[in-house]
Amino acid sequence: MIDESFPVEANDVSTPGQAPAAEGAKAAAGLSDPERWVELHGDYLFKYALMRLRDAARAEDAVQETFLAALKGGKSFAGRSAEKSWLVGILKNKICDYYRKASRETSFTDMEFYSDEESDRFLPDGPFKGGWIHELGPQEWANPGASLDSEVFWRTFHDCSNKLPKNVATVFNLREVDGIESKEICAMLSISESNLWVMLHRARMALRRCLETNWFAKQNASE
């Protein structure tokens, strides 16, 4: 999955009186031996990147770049967060850099997902136009907070997320999972705020429907 011996670039070779990058990272307070980073954090970082990039090769590249950046910047680690959280922060920046570059090369707006596949669930006219048709509206979720502690729930959530179009899933993860501000996402992906809102809305609708079918309905049936 991840190369166990991630490379040190040529300019990391030490000169007299200057420690190599790996030693600098190792010397930083609170950091483990960089040679163990893959063993300690490789799987977690790969899964984190794969969920957001949805491409195994790109996820591996992002993790490798994260380790290299951490080697070079080890001295900046101040110990204010756990080592894994520090590496995740670096990885998040690498993923954002990838999407900034991707948005310059192709349109990020997913127009096909704009077709409202749930329009038949809303009242087409009358004083309550645009409101839910009661029997077709969202179901009431019994004790949804308890699901957040279930590993099986999160596997179901990830399965539902993977069914979203790639660009829509990216926007949803950046905003709702990683907590990046809307204006920053718009600038990063070169999309308008209205496009962002529509993509988030469609993602929430699709995730709700998928979770109702594959999680909450099954939980209710088992009670």
C-alpha atoms as a PDB file:
ATOM      1  CA  MET A   1       0.000   0.000   0.000  1.00  0.00           C
ATOM      2  CA  ILE A   2       2.548   2.571   1.188  1.00  0.00           C
ATOM      3  CA  ASP A   3       6.234   2.260   0.370  1.00  0.00           C
ATOM      4  CA  GLU A   4       7.863   1.191   3.637  1.00  0.00           C
ATOM      5  CA  SER A   5      11.067   3.047   2.754  1.00  0.00           C
ATOM      6  CA  PHE A   6       9.758   6.424   1.630  1.00  0.00           C
ATOM      7  CA  PRO A   7      12.562   8.334  -0.091  1.00  0.00           C
ATOM      8  CA  VAL A   8      14.627  11.190   1.218  1.00  0.00           C
ATOM      9  CA  GLU A   9      15.290  13.696  -1.546  1.00  0.00           C
ATOM     10  CA  ALA A  10      18.807  14.530  -2.665  1.00  0.00           C
ATOM     11  CA  ASN A  11      18.755  17.938  -1.012  1.00  0.00           C
ATOM     12  CA  ASP A  12      18.092  16.217   2.325  1.00  0.00           C
ATOM     13  CA  VAL A  13      21.634  14.864   2.376  1.00  0.00           C
ATOM     14  CA  SER A  14      23.577  16.525   5.188  1.00  0.00           C
ATOM     15  CA  THR A  15      26.540  18.779   4.752  1.00  0.00           C
ATOM     16  CA  PRO A  16      29.275  19.234   7.393  1.00  0.00           C
ATOM     17  CA  GLY A  17      27.762  20.732  10.519  1.00  0.00           C
ATOM     18  CA  GLN A  18      24.220  20.221   9.238  1.00  0.00           C
ATOM     19  CA  ALA A  19      21.924  17.331  10.293  1.00  0.00           C
ATOM     20  CA  PRO A  20      19.923  15.472   7.628  1.00  0.00           C
ATOM     21  CA  ALA A  21      16.188  16.146   7.492  1.00  0.00           C
ATOM     22  CA  ALA A  22      15.376  12.772   9.029  1.00  0.00           C
ATOM     23  CA  GLU A  23      17.562  13.492  12.038  1.00  0.00           C
ATOM     24  CA  GLY A  24      16.042  16.949  12.352  1.00  0.00           C
ATOM     25  CA  ALA A  25      12.570  15.464  12.435  1.00  0.00           C
ATOM     26  CA  LYS A  26      13.667  12.808  14.894  1.00  0.00           C
ATOM     27  CA  ALA A  27      15.155  15.429  17.164  1.00  0.00           C
ATOM     28  CA  ALA A  28      11.930  17.449  17.307  1.00  0.00           C
ATOM     29  CA  ALA A  29      10.295  17.211  20.715  1.00  0.00           C
ATOM     30  CA  GLY A  30       7.504  14.623  20.836  1.00  0.00           C
ATOM     31  CA  LEU A  31       8.087  13.063  17.414  1.00  0.00           C
ATOM     32  CA  SER A  32       8.737   9.364  17.013  1.00  0.00           C
ATOM     33  CA  ASP A  33      11.463   7.974  14.780  1.00  0.00           C
ATOM     34  CA  PRO A  34      10.490   8.930  11.180  1.00  0.00           C
ATOM     35  CA  GLU A  35      11.448   5.419  10.105  1.00  0.00           C
ATOM     36  CA  ARG A  36       8.380   4.202  12.048  1.00  0.00           C
ATOM     37  CA  TRP A  37       5.888   6.718  10.613  1.00  0.00           C
ATOM     38  CA  VAL A  38       4.691   4.331   7.921  1.00  0.00           C
ATOM     39  CA  GLU A  39       4.193   1.570  10.487  1.00  0.00           C
ATOM     40  CA  LEU A  40       2.455   3.854  13.002  1.00  0.00           C
ATOM     41  CA  HIS A  41       0.375   6.093  10.740  1.00  0.00           C
ATOM     42  CA  GLY A  42       0.571   4.827   7.144  1.00  0.00           C
ATOM     43  CA  ASP A  43      -2.735   2.935   7.053  1.00  0.00           C
ATOM     44  CA  TYR A  44      -4.697   5.715   8.743  1.00  0.00           C
ATOM     45  CA  LEU A  45      -3.277   8.409   6.460  1.00  0.00           C
ATOM     46  CA  PHE A  46      -3.902   6.292   3.364  1.00  0.00           C
ATOM     47  CA  LYS A  47      -7.561   5.708   4.309  1.00  0.00           C
ATOM     48  CA  TYR A  48      -7.948   9.426   5.080  1.00  0.00           C
ATOM     49  CA  ALA A  49      -6.536  10.361   1.654  1.00  0.00           C
ATOM     50  CA  LEU A  50      -8.446   7.629  -0.201  1.00  0.00           C
ATOM     51  CA  MET A  51     -11.785   8.798   1.206  1.00  0.00           C
ATOM     52  CA  ARG A  52     -11.113  12.295  -0.123  1.00  0.00           C
ATOM     53  CA  LEU A  53      -9.295  11.532  -3.388  1.00  0.00           C
ATOM     54  CA  ARG A  54     -11.063   8.254  -4.278  1.00  0.00           C
ATOM     55  CA  ASP A  55      -8.010   7.116  -6.199  1.00  0.00           C
ATOM     56  CA  ALA A  56      -5.533   4.698  -4.609  1.00  0.00           C
ATOM     57  CA  ALA A  57      -2.502   5.899  -6.581  1.00  0.00           C
ATOM     58  CA  ARG A  58      -3.183   9.564  -5.790  1.00  0.00           C
ATOM     59  CA  ALA A  59      -3.809   8.696  -2.148  1.00  0.00           C
ATOM     60  CA  GLU A  60      -0.443   6.917  -1.940  1.00  0.00           C
ATOM     61  CA  ASP A  61       1.297   9.880  -3.591  1.00  0.00           C
ATOM     62  CA  ALA A  62      -0.326  12.297  -1.134  1.00  0.00           C
ATOM     63  CA  VAL A  63       0.829  10.221   1.847  1.00  0.00           C
ATOM     64  CA  GLN A  64       4.371   9.977   0.476  1.00  0.00           C
ATOM     65  CA  GLU A  65       4.439  13.754  -0.028  1.00  0.00           C
ATOM     66  CA  THR A  66       3.168  14.163   3.536  1.00  0.00           C
ATOM     67  CA  PHE A  67       6.013  12.097   4.968  1.00  0.00           C
ATOM     68  CA  LEU A  68       8.585  14.011   2.925  1.00  0.00           C
ATOM     69  CA  ALA A  69       7.165  17.361   4.044  1.00  0.00           C
ATOM     70  CA  ALA A  70       7.173  16.147   7.659  1.00  0.00           C
ATOM     71  CA  LEU A  71      10.813  15.103   7.363  1.00  0.00           C
ATOM     72  CA  LYS A  72      11.758  18.546   6.118  1.00  0.00           C
ATOM     73  CA  GLY A  73       9.571  20.409   8.603  1.00  0.00           C
ATOM     74  CA  GLY A  74      10.079  18.289  11.697  1.00  0.00           C
ATOM     75  CA  LYS A  75      11.696  21.140  13.607  1.00  0.00           C
ATOM     76  CA  SER A  76       8.476  23.137  13.296  1.00  0.00           C
ATOM     77  CA  PHE A  77       6.575  20.529  15.319  1.00  0.00           C
ATOM     78  CA  ALA A  78       5.911  22.252  18.642  1.00  0.00           C
ATOM     79  CA  GLY A  79       4.119  19.383  20.374  1.00  0.00           C
ATOM     80  CA  ARG A  80       0.820  21.265  20.631  1.00  0.00           C
ATOM     81  CA  SER A  81      -0.958  18.360  18.930  1.00  0.00           C
ATOM     82  CA  ALA A  82      -0.455  14.616  18.645  1.00  0.00           C
ATOM     83  CA  GLU A  83       1.983  13.395  16.010  1.00  0.00           C
ATOM     84  CA  LYS A  84      -0.834  11.794  13.987  1.00  0.00           C
ATOM     85  CA  SER A  85      -2.880  15.010  14.062  1.00  0.00           C
ATOM     86  CA  TRP A  86       0.178  16.945  12.856  1.00  0.00           C
ATOM     87  CA  LEU A  87       0.666  14.533   9.952  1.00  0.00           C
ATOM     88  CA  VAL A  88      -3.051  14.678   9.095  1.00  0.00           C
ATOM     89  CA  GLY A  89      -2.789  18.482   8.943  1.00  0.00           C
ATOM     90  CA  ILE A  90       0.065  18.205   6.451  1.00  0.00           C
ATOM     91  CA  LEU A  91      -1.869  15.621   4.427  1.00  0.00           C
ATOM     92  CA  LYS A  92      -4.959  17.836   4.366  1.00  0.00           C
ATOM     93  CA  ASN A  93      -2.858  20.628   2.842  1.00  0.00           C
ATOM     94  CA  LYS A  94      -1.479  18.226   0.219  1.00  0.00           C
ATOM     95  CA  ILE A  95      -5.024  17.171  -0.718  1.00  0.00           C
ATOM     96  CA  CYS A  96      -6.134  20.804  -0.972  1.00  0.00           C
ATOM     97  CA  ASP A  97      -3.103  21.532  -3.175  1.00  0.00           C
ATOM     98  CA  TYR A  98      -4.141  18.675  -5.451  1.00  0.00           C
ATOM     99  CA  TYR A  99      -7.664  20.050  -5.846  1.00  0.00           C
ATOM    100  CA  ARG A 100      -6.397  23.581  -6.464  1.00  0.00           C
ATOM    101  CA  LYS A 101      -4.319  22.232  -9.345  1.00  0.00           C
ATOM    102  CA  ALA A 102      -7.149  20.005 -10.609  1.00  0.00           C
ATOM    103  CA  SER A 103      -9.607  22.916 -10.649  1.00  0.00           C
ATOM    104  CA  ARG A 104      -7.261  24.877 -12.923  1.00  0.00           C
ATOM    105  CA  GLU A 105      -7.186  22.025 -15.423  1.00  0.00           C
ATOM    106  CA  THR A 106     -10.866  21.093 -15.582  1.00  0.00           C
ATOM    107  CA  SER A 107     -14.265  22.378 -14.507  1.00  0.00           C
ATOM    108  CA  PHE A 108     -15.101  21.149 -11.033  1.00  0.00           C
ATOM    109  CA  THR A 109     -18.839  21.821 -11.208  1.00  0.00           C
ATOM    110  CA  ASP A 110     -20.750  18.540 -11.488  1.00  0.00           C
ATOM    111  CA  MET A 111     -23.679  19.639 -13.648  1.00  0.00           C
ATOM    112  CA  GLU A 112     -25.068  16.107 -14.081  1.00  0.00           C
ATOM    113  CA  PHE A 113     -25.718  15.948 -10.354  1.00  0.00           C
ATOM    114  CA  TYR A 114     -27.817  19.110 -10.543  1.00  0.00           C
ATOM    115  CA  SER A 115     -30.776  17.201 -11.996  1.00  0.00           C
ATOM    116  CA  ASP A 116     -33.219  17.001  -9.124  1.00  0.00           C
ATOM    117  CA  GLU A 117     -33.894  13.285  -8.805  1.00  0.00           C
ATOM    118  CA  GLU A 118     -36.083  13.891  -5.730  1.00  0.00           C
ATOM    119  CA  SER A 119     -38.308  16.600  -7.197  1.00  0.00           C
ATOM    120  CA  ASP A 120     -41.281  14.212  -7.045  1.00  0.00           C
ATOM    121  CA  ARG A 121     -41.022  14.302  -3.229  1.00  0.00           C
ATOM    122  CA  PHE A 122     -42.039  17.986  -3.051  1.00  0.00           C
ATOM    123  CA  LEU A 123     -45.389  19.699  -3.582  1.00  0.00           C
ATOM    124  CA  PRO A 124     -45.406  21.129  -7.139  1.00  0.00           C
ATOM    125  CA  ASP A 125     -47.942  23.924  -6.481  1.00  0.00           C
ATOM    126  CA  GLY A 126     -50.372  25.396  -3.981  1.00  0.00           C
ATOM    127  CA  PRO A 127     -49.739  27.426  -0.817  1.00  0.00           C
ATOM    128  CA  PHE A 128     -47.128  24.908   0.394  1.00  0.00           C
ATOM    129  CA  LYS A 129     -45.291  24.645  -2.940  1.00  0.00           C
ATOM    130  CA  GLY A 130     -41.766  23.293  -2.479  1.00  0.00           C
ATOM    131  CA  GLY A 131     -42.594  21.611   0.818  1.00  0.00           C
ATOM    132  CA  TRP A 132     -42.211  17.883   1.459  1.00  0.00           C
ATOM    133  CA  ILE A 133     -45.023  15.524   0.494  1.00  0.00           C
ATOM    134  CA  HIS A 134     -45.551  14.186   4.009  1.00  0.00           C
ATOM    135  CA  GLU A 135     -45.433  10.444   3.339  1.00  0.00           C
ATOM    136  CA  LEU A 136     -42.373  10.861   1.051  1.00  0.00           C
ATOM    137  CA  GLY A 137     -40.423  13.205   3.312  1.00  0.00           C
ATOM    138  CA  PRO A 138     -37.479  12.436   5.606  1.00  0.00           C
ATOM    139  CA  GLN A 139     -38.043   9.737   8.170  1.00  0.00           C
ATOM    140  CA  GLU A 140     -37.619  10.464  11.863  1.00  0.00           C
ATOM    141  CA  TRP A 141     -34.301   8.972  12.970  1.00  0.00           C
ATOM    142  CA  ALA A 142     -34.509   7.211  16.325  1.00  0.00           C
ATOM    143  CA  ASN A 143     -31.635   8.260  18.622  1.00  0.00           C
ATOM    144  CA  PRO A 144     -29.283   9.332  15.789  1.00  0.00           C
ATOM    145  CA  GLY A 145     -26.575  10.415  18.249  1.00  0.00           C
ATOM    146  CA  ALA A 146     -26.015   6.821  19.336  1.00  0.00           C
ATOM    147  CA  SER A 147     -25.102   5.877  15.766  1.00  0.00           C
ATOM    148  CA  LEU A 148     -22.071   8.164  15.871  1.00  0.00           C
ATOM    149  CA  ASP A 149     -20.397   5.763  18.288  1.00  0.00           C
ATOM    150  CA  SER A 150     -20.952   2.767  16.010  1.00  0.00           C
ATOM    151  CA  GLU A 151     -18.109   1.600  13.782  1.00  0.00           C
ATOM    152  CA  VAL A 152     -20.660  -0.142  11.549  1.00  0.00           C
ATOM    153  CA  PHE A 153     -22.530   3.161  11.092  1.00  0.00           C
ATOM    154  CA  TRP A 154     -19.370   4.880   9.867  1.00  0.00           C
ATOM    155  CA  ARG A 155     -18.703   2.056   7.423  1.00  0.00           C
ATOM    156  CA  THR A 156     -22.243   2.546   6.122  1.00  0.00           C
ATOM    157  CA  PHE A 157     -21.676   6.309   5.909  1.00  0.00           C
ATOM    158  CA  HIS A 158     -18.453   5.805   3.931  1.00  0.00           C
ATOM    159  CA  ASP A 159     -20.231   3.366   1.587  1.00  0.00           C
ATOM    160  CA  CYS A 160     -22.968   5.970   1.009  1.00  0.00           C
ATOM    161  CA  SER A 161     -20.385   8.713   0.491  1.00  0.00           C
ATOM    162  CA  ASN A 162     -18.595   6.587  -2.116  1.00  0.00           C
ATOM    163  CA  LYS A 163     -21.818   6.439  -4.133  1.00  0.00           C
ATOM    164  CA  LEU A 164     -21.787  10.220  -4.581  1.00  0.00           C
ATOM    165  CA  PRO A 165     -20.239  11.639  -7.750  1.00  0.00           C
ATOM    166  CA  LYS A 166     -16.550  12.277  -7.026  1.00  0.00           C
ATOM    167  CA  ASN A 167     -16.676  16.080  -7.219  1.00  0.00           C
ATOM    168  CA  VAL A 168     -19.779  16.265  -5.041  1.00  0.00           C
ATOM    169  CA  ALA A 169     -18.218  13.973  -2.429  1.00  0.00           C
ATOM    170  CA  THR A 170     -15.105  16.159  -2.459  1.00  0.00           C
ATOM    171  CA  VAL A 171     -17.097  19.322  -1.796  1.00  0.00           C
ATOM    172  CA  PHE A 172     -19.075  17.623   0.993  1.00  0.00           C
ATOM    173  CA  ASN A 173     -15.956  16.260   2.707  1.00  0.00           C
ATOM    174  CA  LEU A 174     -14.090  19.557   2.483  1.00  0.00           C
ATOM    175  CA  ARG A 175     -17.001  21.488   4.002  1.00  0.00           C
ATOM    176  CA  GLU A 176     -18.736  19.103   6.387  1.00  0.00           C
ATOM    177  CA  VAL A 177     -15.982  16.667   7.378  1.00  0.00           C
ATOM    178  CA  ASP A 178     -12.843  18.827   7.279  1.00  0.00           C
ATOM    179  CA  GLY A 179     -14.611  22.058   8.231  1.00  0.00           C
ATOM    180  CA  ILE A 180     -13.060  24.254   5.525  1.00  0.00           C
ATOM    181  CA  GLU A 181     -14.882  27.557   5.064  1.00  0.00           C
ATOM    182  CA  SER A 182     -17.171  27.893   2.052  1.00  0.00           C
ATOM    183  CA  LYS A 183     -15.310  30.867   0.580  1.00  0.00           C
ATOM    184  CA  GLU A 184     -12.019  28.981   0.778  1.00  0.00           C
ATOM    185  CA  ILE A 185     -13.545  25.978  -0.987  1.00  0.00           C
ATOM    186  CA  CYS A 186     -14.961  28.198  -3.738  1.00  0.00           C
ATOM    187  CA  ALA A 187     -11.554  29.804  -4.270  1.00  0.00           C
ATOM    188  CA  MET A 188      -9.786  26.444  -4.150  1.00  0.00           C
ATOM    189  CA  LEU A 189     -12.080  24.779  -6.694  1.00  0.00           C
ATOM    190  CA  SER A 190     -12.966  27.848  -8.782  1.00  0.00           C
ATOM    191  CA  ILE A 191     -16.715  27.429  -8.263  1.00  0.00           C
ATOM    192  CA  SER A 192     -19.375  29.952  -7.313  1.00  0.00           C
ATOM    193  CA  GLU A 193     -21.055  30.008  -3.910  1.00  0.00           C
ATOM    194  CA  SER A 194     -24.380  29.096  -5.543  1.00  0.00           C
ATOM    195  CA  ASN A 195     -22.793  26.047  -7.186  1.00  0.00           C
ATOM    196  CA  LEU A 196     -21.258  25.077  -3.861  1.00  0.00           C
ATOM    197  CA  TRP A 197     -24.625  25.367  -2.115  1.00  0.00           C
ATOM    198  CA  VAL A 198     -26.365  23.208  -4.727  1.00  0.00           C
ATOM    199  CA  MET A 199     -23.659  20.523  -4.565  1.00  0.00           C
ATOM    200  CA  LEU A 200     -23.818  20.443  -0.757  1.00  0.00           C
ATOM    201  CA  HIS A 201     -27.599  20.312  -0.827  1.00  0.00           C
ATOM    202  CA  ARG A 202     -27.655  17.429  -3.305  1.00  0.00           C
ATOM    203  CA  ALA A 203     -24.972  15.575  -1.304  1.00  0.00           C
ATOM    204  CA  ARG A 204     -26.962  15.893   1.929  1.00  0.00           C
ATOM    205  CA  MET A 205     -30.143  14.717   0.209  1.00  0.00           C
ATOM    206  CA  ALA A 206     -28.420  11.682  -1.328  1.00  0.00           C
ATOM    207  CA  LEU A 207     -26.637  10.779   1.921  1.00  0.00           C
ATOM    208  CA  ARG A 208     -29.859  11.108   3.924  1.00  0.00           C
ATOM    209  CA  ARG A 209     -31.716   8.818   1.536  1.00  0.00           C
ATOM    210  CA  CYS A 210     -28.897   6.250   1.508  1.00  0.00           C
ATOM    211  CA  LEU A 211     -28.531   6.245   5.305  1.00  0.00           C
ATOM    212  CA  GLU A 212     -32.279   5.921   5.802  1.00  0.00           C
ATOM    213  CA  THR A 213     -32.314   2.841   3.582  1.00  0.00           C
ATOM    214  CA  ASN A 214     -29.084   1.187   4.663  1.00  0.00           C
ATOM    215  CA  TRP A 215     -28.866   2.120   8.326  1.00  0.00           C
ATOM    216  CA  PHE A 216     -31.845   3.648  10.104  1.00  0.00           C
ATOM    217  CA  ALA A 217     -34.497   1.463   8.447  1.00  0.00           C
ATOM    218  CA  LYS A 218     -32.490  -1.637   9.422  1.00  0.00           C
ATOM    219  CA  GLN A 219     -32.052  -0.346  12.977  1.00  0.00           C
ATOM    220  CA  ASN A 220     -35.787   0.258  13.315  1.00  0.00           C
ATOM    221  CA  ALA A 221     -36.568  -3.180  11.919  1.00  0.00           C
ATOM    222  CA  SER A 222     -34.310  -4.865  14.465  1.00  0.00           C
ATOM    223  CA  GLU A 223     -35.972  -3.155  17.439  1.00  0.00           C
END
